[in-house]
Structure formats: C-alpha cells, structure tokens
Protein backbone atom coordinates (compact mmCIF):
# COMPACT_ATOMS: atom_id res chain seq x y z
CA UNK A 1 0.00 0.00 0.00
CA UNK A 2 1.37 3.43 -0.95
CA UNK A 3 2.04 6.25 1.47
CA UNK A 4 -0.87 8.71 1.61
CA UNK A 5 -0.42 12.32 0.55
CA UNK A 6 -3.34 13.64 2.57
CA UNK A 7 -4.96 12.53 5.81
CA UNK A 8 -8.63 12.64 6.71
CA UNK A 9 -9.55 15.77 8.64
CA UNK A 10 -9.69 15.18 12.37
CA UNK A 11 -7.18 12.33 12.40
CA UNK A 12 -4.03 12.73 14.50
CA UNK A 13 -0.94 13.08 12.31
CA UNK A 14 2.28 11.44 13.45
CA UNK A 15 5.19 12.31 11.17
CA UNK A 16 6.89 9.05 12.10
CA UNK A 17 4.25 7.36 9.94
CA UNK A 18 5.50 9.21 6.84
CA UNK A 19 8.79 8.29 5.19
CA UNK A 20 10.56 11.45 3.90
CA UNK A 21 12.46 9.29 1.39
CA UNK A 22 9.34 7.61 0.00
CA UNK A 23 9.41 7.44 -3.79
CA UNK A 24 6.20 5.62 -4.59
CA UNK A 25 5.98 3.31 -7.57
CA UNK A 26 7.58 5.74 -10.02
CA UNK A 27 11.26 6.05 -10.89
CA UNK A 28 13.25 9.25 -11.28
CA UNK A 29 13.06 9.38 -15.08
CA UNK A 30 9.32 8.76 -15.23
CA UNK A 31 8.70 11.26 -12.43
CA UNK A 32 10.70 13.94 -14.27
CA UNK A 33 8.65 13.40 -17.44
CA UNK A 34 5.38 13.53 -15.50
CA UNK A 35 6.50 16.69 -13.71
CA UNK A 36 7.14 18.43 -17.03
CA UNK A 37 3.65 17.48 -18.20
CA UNK A 38 2.21 18.85 -14.97
CA UNK A 39 4.13 22.09 -15.37
CA UNK A 40 2.82 22.54 -18.93
CA UNK A 41 -0.73 21.93 -17.72
CA UNK A 42 -0.26 24.36 -14.81
CA UNK A 43 0.92 26.97 -17.32
CA UNK A 44 -2.21 26.53 -19.45
CA UNK A 45 -4.64 26.45 -16.52
CA UNK A 46 -3.09 29.43 -14.73
CA UNK A 47 -3.45 31.43 -17.97
CA UNK A 48 -7.11 30.49 -18.08
CA UNK A 49 -7.42 31.41 -14.39
CA UNK A 50 -6.09 34.88 -15.24
CA UNK A 51 -8.58 35.28 -18.07
CA UNK A 52 -11.50 33.91 -16.04
CA UNK A 53 -10.97 36.20 -13.02
CA UNK A 54 -13.49 34.32 -10.84
CA UNK A 55 -11.08 32.29 -8.70
CA UNK A 56 -7.64 32.50 -7.11
CA UNK A 57 -5.09 29.85 -6.19
CA UNK A 58 -2.98 30.06 -3.04
CA UNK A 59 -0.07 27.64 -2.60
CA UNK A 60 1.31 27.40 0.94
CA UNK A 61 4.78 25.86 1.35
CA UNK A 62 6.03 24.91 4.81
CA UNK A 63 8.95 22.81 5.95
CA UNK A 64 12.14 22.74 7.94
CA UNK A 65 15.18 24.65 6.69
CA UNK A 66 16.51 23.15 3.41
CA UNK A 67 13.22 21.29 2.78
CA UNK A 68 13.12 22.78 -0.72
CA UNK A 69 10.57 25.58 -0.69
CA UNK A 70 12.65 27.75 -3.04
CA UNK A 71 13.36 24.77 -5.30
CA UNK A 72 9.68 23.93 -5.63
CA UNK A 73 8.86 27.51 -6.59
CA UNK A 74 11.60 27.61 -9.24
CA UNK A 75 10.64 24.25 -10.73
CA UNK A 76 6.92 23.70 -10.33
CA UNK A 77 5.83 27.28 -11.01
CA UNK A 78 8.37 27.90 -13.76
CA UNK A 79 5.67 28.06 -16.45
CA UNK A 80 3.33 30.49 -14.70
CA UNK A 81 3.25 33.99 -16.18
CA UNK A 82 4.72 36.52 -13.69
CA UNK A 83 1.84 38.84 -14.62
CA UNK A 84 -0.55 36.82 -12.47
CA UNK A 85 1.81 35.14 -10.04
CA UNK A 86 3.33 36.52 -6.85
CA UNK A 87 5.66 34.90 -4.32
CA UNK A 88 5.67 36.14 -0.73
CA UNK A 89 8.35 35.00 1.71
CA UNK A 90 7.35 35.42 5.34
CA UNK A 91 10.24 36.05 7.67
CA UNK A 92 10.39 37.43 11.20
CA UNK A 93 7.65 40.10 11.57
CA UNK A 94 8.90 43.68 11.42
CA UNK A 95 7.90 46.43 13.87
CA UNK A 96 4.87 47.52 11.85
CA UNK A 97 3.60 43.96 11.46
CA UNK A 98 4.00 43.33 15.18
CA UNK A 99 1.68 46.25 15.90
CA UNK A 100 -1.15 44.43 14.08
CA UNK A 101 -2.85 41.09 14.55
CA UNK A 102 -0.77 38.15 13.35
CA UNK A 103 -2.88 37.62 10.22
CA UNK A 104 -2.65 41.24 9.02
CA UNK A 105 0.50 40.76 6.95
CA UNK A 106 -0.81 37.45 5.62
CA UNK A 107 -4.12 38.79 4.38
CA UNK A 108 -2.37 41.57 2.47
CA UNK A 109 -0.50 38.96 0.43
CA UNK A 110 -3.51 36.80 -0.50
CA UNK A 111 -3.82 36.65 -4.31
CA UNK A 112 -6.75 38.46 -5.97
CA UNK A 113 -9.11 36.51 -8.22
CA UNK A 114 -7.31 35.52 -11.41
CA UNK A 115 -3.92 35.21 -9.73
CA UNK A 116 -1.70 32.52 -8.26
CA UNK A 117 -0.12 33.33 -4.91
CA UNK A 118 2.73 31.37 -3.34
CA UNK A 119 3.60 31.61 0.33
CA UNK A 120 7.19 30.66 1.13
CA UNK A 121 6.46 30.00 4.80
CA UNK A 122 3.18 31.47 5.94
CA UNK A 123 0.80 32.26 8.81
CA UNK A 124 1.81 28.88 10.25
CA UNK A 125 5.09 30.40 11.36
CA UNK A 126 3.03 32.08 14.06
CA UNK A 127 2.37 28.77 15.80
CA UNK A 128 5.84 27.35 15.20
CA UNK A 129 8.49 29.83 16.35
CA UNK A 130 6.33 31.30 19.16
CA UNK A 131 5.78 27.81 20.50
CA UNK A 132 9.31 26.43 20.13
CA UNK A 133 11.01 29.60 21.36
CA UNK A 134 8.31 30.64 23.86
CA UNK A 135 7.98 34.06 22.21
CA UNK A 136 4.39 34.54 23.36
CA UNK A 137 2.37 32.92 26.13
CA UNK A 138 1.07 29.43 25.37
CA UNK A 139 -2.52 30.60 25.87
CA UNK A 140 -1.99 33.09 23.03
CA UNK A 141 -0.48 30.86 20.33
CA UNK A 142 -2.91 28.03 21.11
CA UNK A 143 -5.85 30.18 20.00
CA UNK A 144 -4.26 30.75 16.59
CA UNK A 145 -5.05 27.30 15.16
CA UNK A 146 -8.76 28.00 15.08
CA UNK A 147 -8.24 31.55 13.85
CA UNK A 148 -6.20 30.24 10.93
CA UNK A 149 -8.88 27.68 10.12
CA UNK A 150 -11.51 30.44 10.12
CA UNK A 151 -9.26 32.60 7.93
CA UNK A 152 -8.85 29.79 5.38
CA UNK A 153 -12.57 29.03 5.51
CA UNK A 154 -13.30 32.65 4.63
CA UNK A 155 -10.81 32.61 1.75
CA UNK A 156 -12.23 29.42 0.25
CA UNK A 157 -15.80 30.73 0.62
CA UNK A 158 -14.72 33.80 -1.34
CA UNK A 159 -13.24 31.83 -4.25
CA UNK A 160 -9.65 31.03 -3.27
CA UNK A 161 -8.49 27.43 -3.58
CA UNK A 162 -5.71 26.64 -1.09
CA UNK A 163 -3.03 24.00 -1.67
CA UNK A 164 -0.98 23.46 1.50
CA UNK A 165 2.22 21.43 1.19
CA UNK A 166 4.40 20.36 4.09
CA UNK A 167 7.77 19.41 2.62
CA UNK A 168 8.81 16.53 4.87
CA UNK A 169 12.55 15.88 5.04
CA UNK A 170 14.64 13.77 7.40
CA UNK A 171 17.21 15.15 9.79
CA UNK A 172 19.93 13.22 7.93
CA UNK A 173 18.92 14.80 4.62
CA UNK A 174 18.93 18.25 6.18
CA UNK A 175 22.49 17.57 7.36
CA UNK A 176 23.55 16.67 3.82
CA UNK A 177 21.97 19.80 2.39
CA UNK A 178 23.53 22.08 4.99
CA UNK A 179 26.93 20.51 4.27
CA UNK A 180 26.32 21.05 0.56
CA UNK A 181 25.73 24.75 1.17
CA UNK A 182 29.00 25.00 3.07
CA UNK A 183 30.99 23.25 0.36
CA UNK A 184 29.53 25.20 -2.58
CA UNK A 185 30.77 28.82 -2.92
CA UNK A 186 27.58 29.70 -4.80
CA UNK A 187 25.39 28.50 -1.94
CA UNK A 188 27.32 29.68 1.10
CA UNK A 189 25.28 32.89 1.16
CA UNK A 190 22.27 30.75 2.10
CA UNK A 191 24.00 29.30 5.16
CA UNK A 192 23.42 30.85 8.55
CA UNK A 193 24.78 29.71 11.87
CA UNK A 194 21.26 30.27 13.15
CA UNK A 195 20.29 27.21 11.08
CA UNK A 196 22.44 25.09 13.37
CA UNK A 197 20.72 26.49 16.46
CA UNK A 198 17.33 25.69 14.95
CA UNK A 199 18.53 22.21 14.02
CA UNK A 200 19.14 21.47 17.69
CA UNK A 201 15.41 22.00 18.22
CA UNK A 202 14.48 19.43 15.57
CA UNK A 203 12.31 17.32 17.88
CA UNK A 204 10.47 20.37 19.22
CA UNK A 205 9.72 21.52 15.68
CA UNK A 206 8.50 18.06 14.67
CA UNK A 207 6.03 18.04 17.55
CA UNK A 208 4.92 21.58 16.69
CA UNK A 209 4.40 20.58 13.06
CA UNK A 210 2.41 17.49 14.04
CA UNK A 211 0.02 19.66 16.04
CA UNK A 212 -0.52 22.22 13.31
CA UNK A 213 -0.86 19.54 10.62
CA UNK A 214 -3.50 17.84 12.74
CA UNK A 215 -5.39 20.89 13.97
CA UNK A 216 -5.34 22.81 10.68
CA UNK A 217 -6.09 19.89 8.35
CA UNK A 218 -9.58 20.62 7.05
CA UNK A 219 -11.81 19.37 4.27
CA UNK A 220 -11.66 22.77 2.58
CA UNK A 221 -7.88 23.27 3.02
CA UNK A 222 -6.17 19.91 3.61
CA UNK A 223 -2.47 19.46 4.18
CA UNK A 224 -0.38 17.52 1.67
CA UNK A 225 2.49 15.72 3.40
CA UNK A 226 5.12 15.64 0.67
CA UNK A 227 8.12 13.26 0.95
CA UNK A 228 10.96 15.68 0.21
CA UNK A 229 14.25 13.82 0.68
CA UNK A 230 14.32 13.25 -3.10
CA UNK A 231 13.91 16.50 -4.98
CA UNK A 232 12.64 14.80 -8.12
CA UNK A 233 9.84 13.09 -6.19
CA UNK A 234 9.03 16.23 -4.23
CA UNK A 235 8.55 18.22 -7.45
CA UNK A 236 6.48 15.43 -8.99
CA UNK A 237 4.12 15.34 -6.00
CA UNK A 238 3.71 19.10 -5.60
CA UNK A 239 3.22 19.69 -9.32
CA UNK A 240 0.53 17.01 -9.31
CA UNK A 241 -1.26 18.60 -6.36
CA UNK A 242 -1.20 22.06 -7.97
CA UNK A 243 -2.38 20.68 -11.30
CA UNK A 244 -5.26 18.81 -9.65
CA UNK A 245 -6.33 21.95 -7.79
CA UNK A 246 -6.42 23.98 -11.01
CA UNK A 247 -8.33 21.21 -12.76
CA UNK A 248 -10.94 21.28 -9.99
CA UNK A 249 -11.28 25.04 -10.44
CA UNK A 250 -11.65 24.41 -14.17
CA UNK A 251 -11.17 28.06 -15.25
CA UNK A 252 -12.73 29.04 -18.56
CA UNK A 253 -12.00 31.74 -21.10
CA UNK A 254 -14.65 34.48 -21.02
CA UNK A 255 -17.11 34.56 -23.90
CA UNK A 256 -15.81 36.49 -26.88
CA UNK A 257 -17.49 39.63 -28.13
CA UNK A 258 -20.19 38.95 -30.73
CA UNK A 259 -19.37 39.65 -34.36
CA UNK A 260 -15.63 38.99 -34.22
CA UNK A 261 -15.81 36.68 -37.23
CA UNK A 262 -16.85 39.62 -39.39
CA UNK A 263 -14.02 41.88 -38.33
CA UNK A 264 -11.24 42.66 -40.82
CA UNK A 265 -8.13 44.30 -39.45
CA UNK A 266 -6.79 46.78 -42.01
C-alpha cells in the first residue's frame, strides 16, 4: 500500500508514519517526465485562471530549513506567467507587522481573483516559532489554530483554492543539504549559523508541526504531506497537487465579443 499524501480531517498526524524518502511506484526518469507534463498543464490552466478572473489559487509551502521551498517555486511554477503570479516570503515580523494582529501581513498577500499566490512560509510560522522559542504565552499561540482555520474558511468561501504542502525531510537529509551549502561557494550565502541552532530544536519543531498539521487539516484546506528527501519526487508530488487543484477550479475563457468573425483588421 502506498504512502498517503493527505490525511482525513480530524485524524491525528504522526510524522513518524511518513517516510521522507518515500518514492512511490515511479522512478526518477518517469517522475521527471510527469513533472514536465504537470508544469505545462499548470501553465495553461493558470493562464485560463487569469482570463477567467473568478477564482484564485494560493499555494502554501512549509517545511524545515533546506526542505526545498525555493526549489519547488523555481521548478513547479516555472511556467506560470509573472503577470498573475506573486511569491511572498514570510520572515520574522517587522515592527509595523507586530503592531497588528498576526494575520494582518498574511491577508495583504492573498492573491486576488485571477492570480496565483505562493507563500514561502506562511501564517503557520506564528504557531511554530512562538511555541518552540516561547515568544508569546502558550494561551496566546494556542488560539491561533482556530483563527487560521476560520481565515482559510473565509478565503475558500470567497473563491480562493488553497493548496498546502508540508515538505517533509529527514534530519539526515537536512544535514547533507547544509553541508552542501557550506561546500559550494555559490550556496554559502544561504548558510546561517542560526540554522544550526534551529537544528538542535528538531524534535520540538517536529512536535509543533504534528500539532498544526493535525489541527489545521480541514476538508476545505487539507495538508499535503510531501516526501521531500528526493527532490525529483518532491517536485512530482507538488506539481501534481497544484495541477489537480487547477483542474478542480476548471477556469474558462470568457465569452468572446459577438461579431468577431466579421471583423477585418486593415
């Protein structure tokens, strides 16, 4: 039996049940070919989404450092026209953002109808770092799960389809990727000693992720638990999830103006 990509809403998620190195029943070559087909289809459907202007697509990418959020964006969304696609990377809140509610900066980045929005990290950071580092009282961050569910419910009711992907990597794979950054002069800029401090909190982050994956896994915005140790399989899975979401939206070109067949351009 294959490893599931999604879990029924309400069921407790234990990340130990999901193999980060899982490759399914497809090999690297076949997965690469299927990914290219998915990318081409995403290109076509996102163009139709832009023309249709009745729906939006929001892709949420979460994962530990080096899980591949940037790589997914470069690969899977490579065919989407920048005209109707925007990537937002959520880092530590600045002073202005801290003076508002925690969802204020998130809502500003939600894509309008016709567009594709990609969150590189997201509102879920506000139940991860505050919990692991005790930045706010427990009673405060615990209320945020339900607020985020309500926020996503509102977005979906208003025409936004949400694809949430947790890029699940192993601690050993993270070690290899951090070492790769150190050994490659072109990647050393991505390395921060803070990554090593966060790595020491691996178990705490895993528990925090299990809670948010469980509590914020809904029928209208389910989590996809993506095995991410193999980049080729990660891209295959995410591209398939995005393609399926766009196919469910089924955007259509608007009706053309009447009489176009009689027009002669001189």
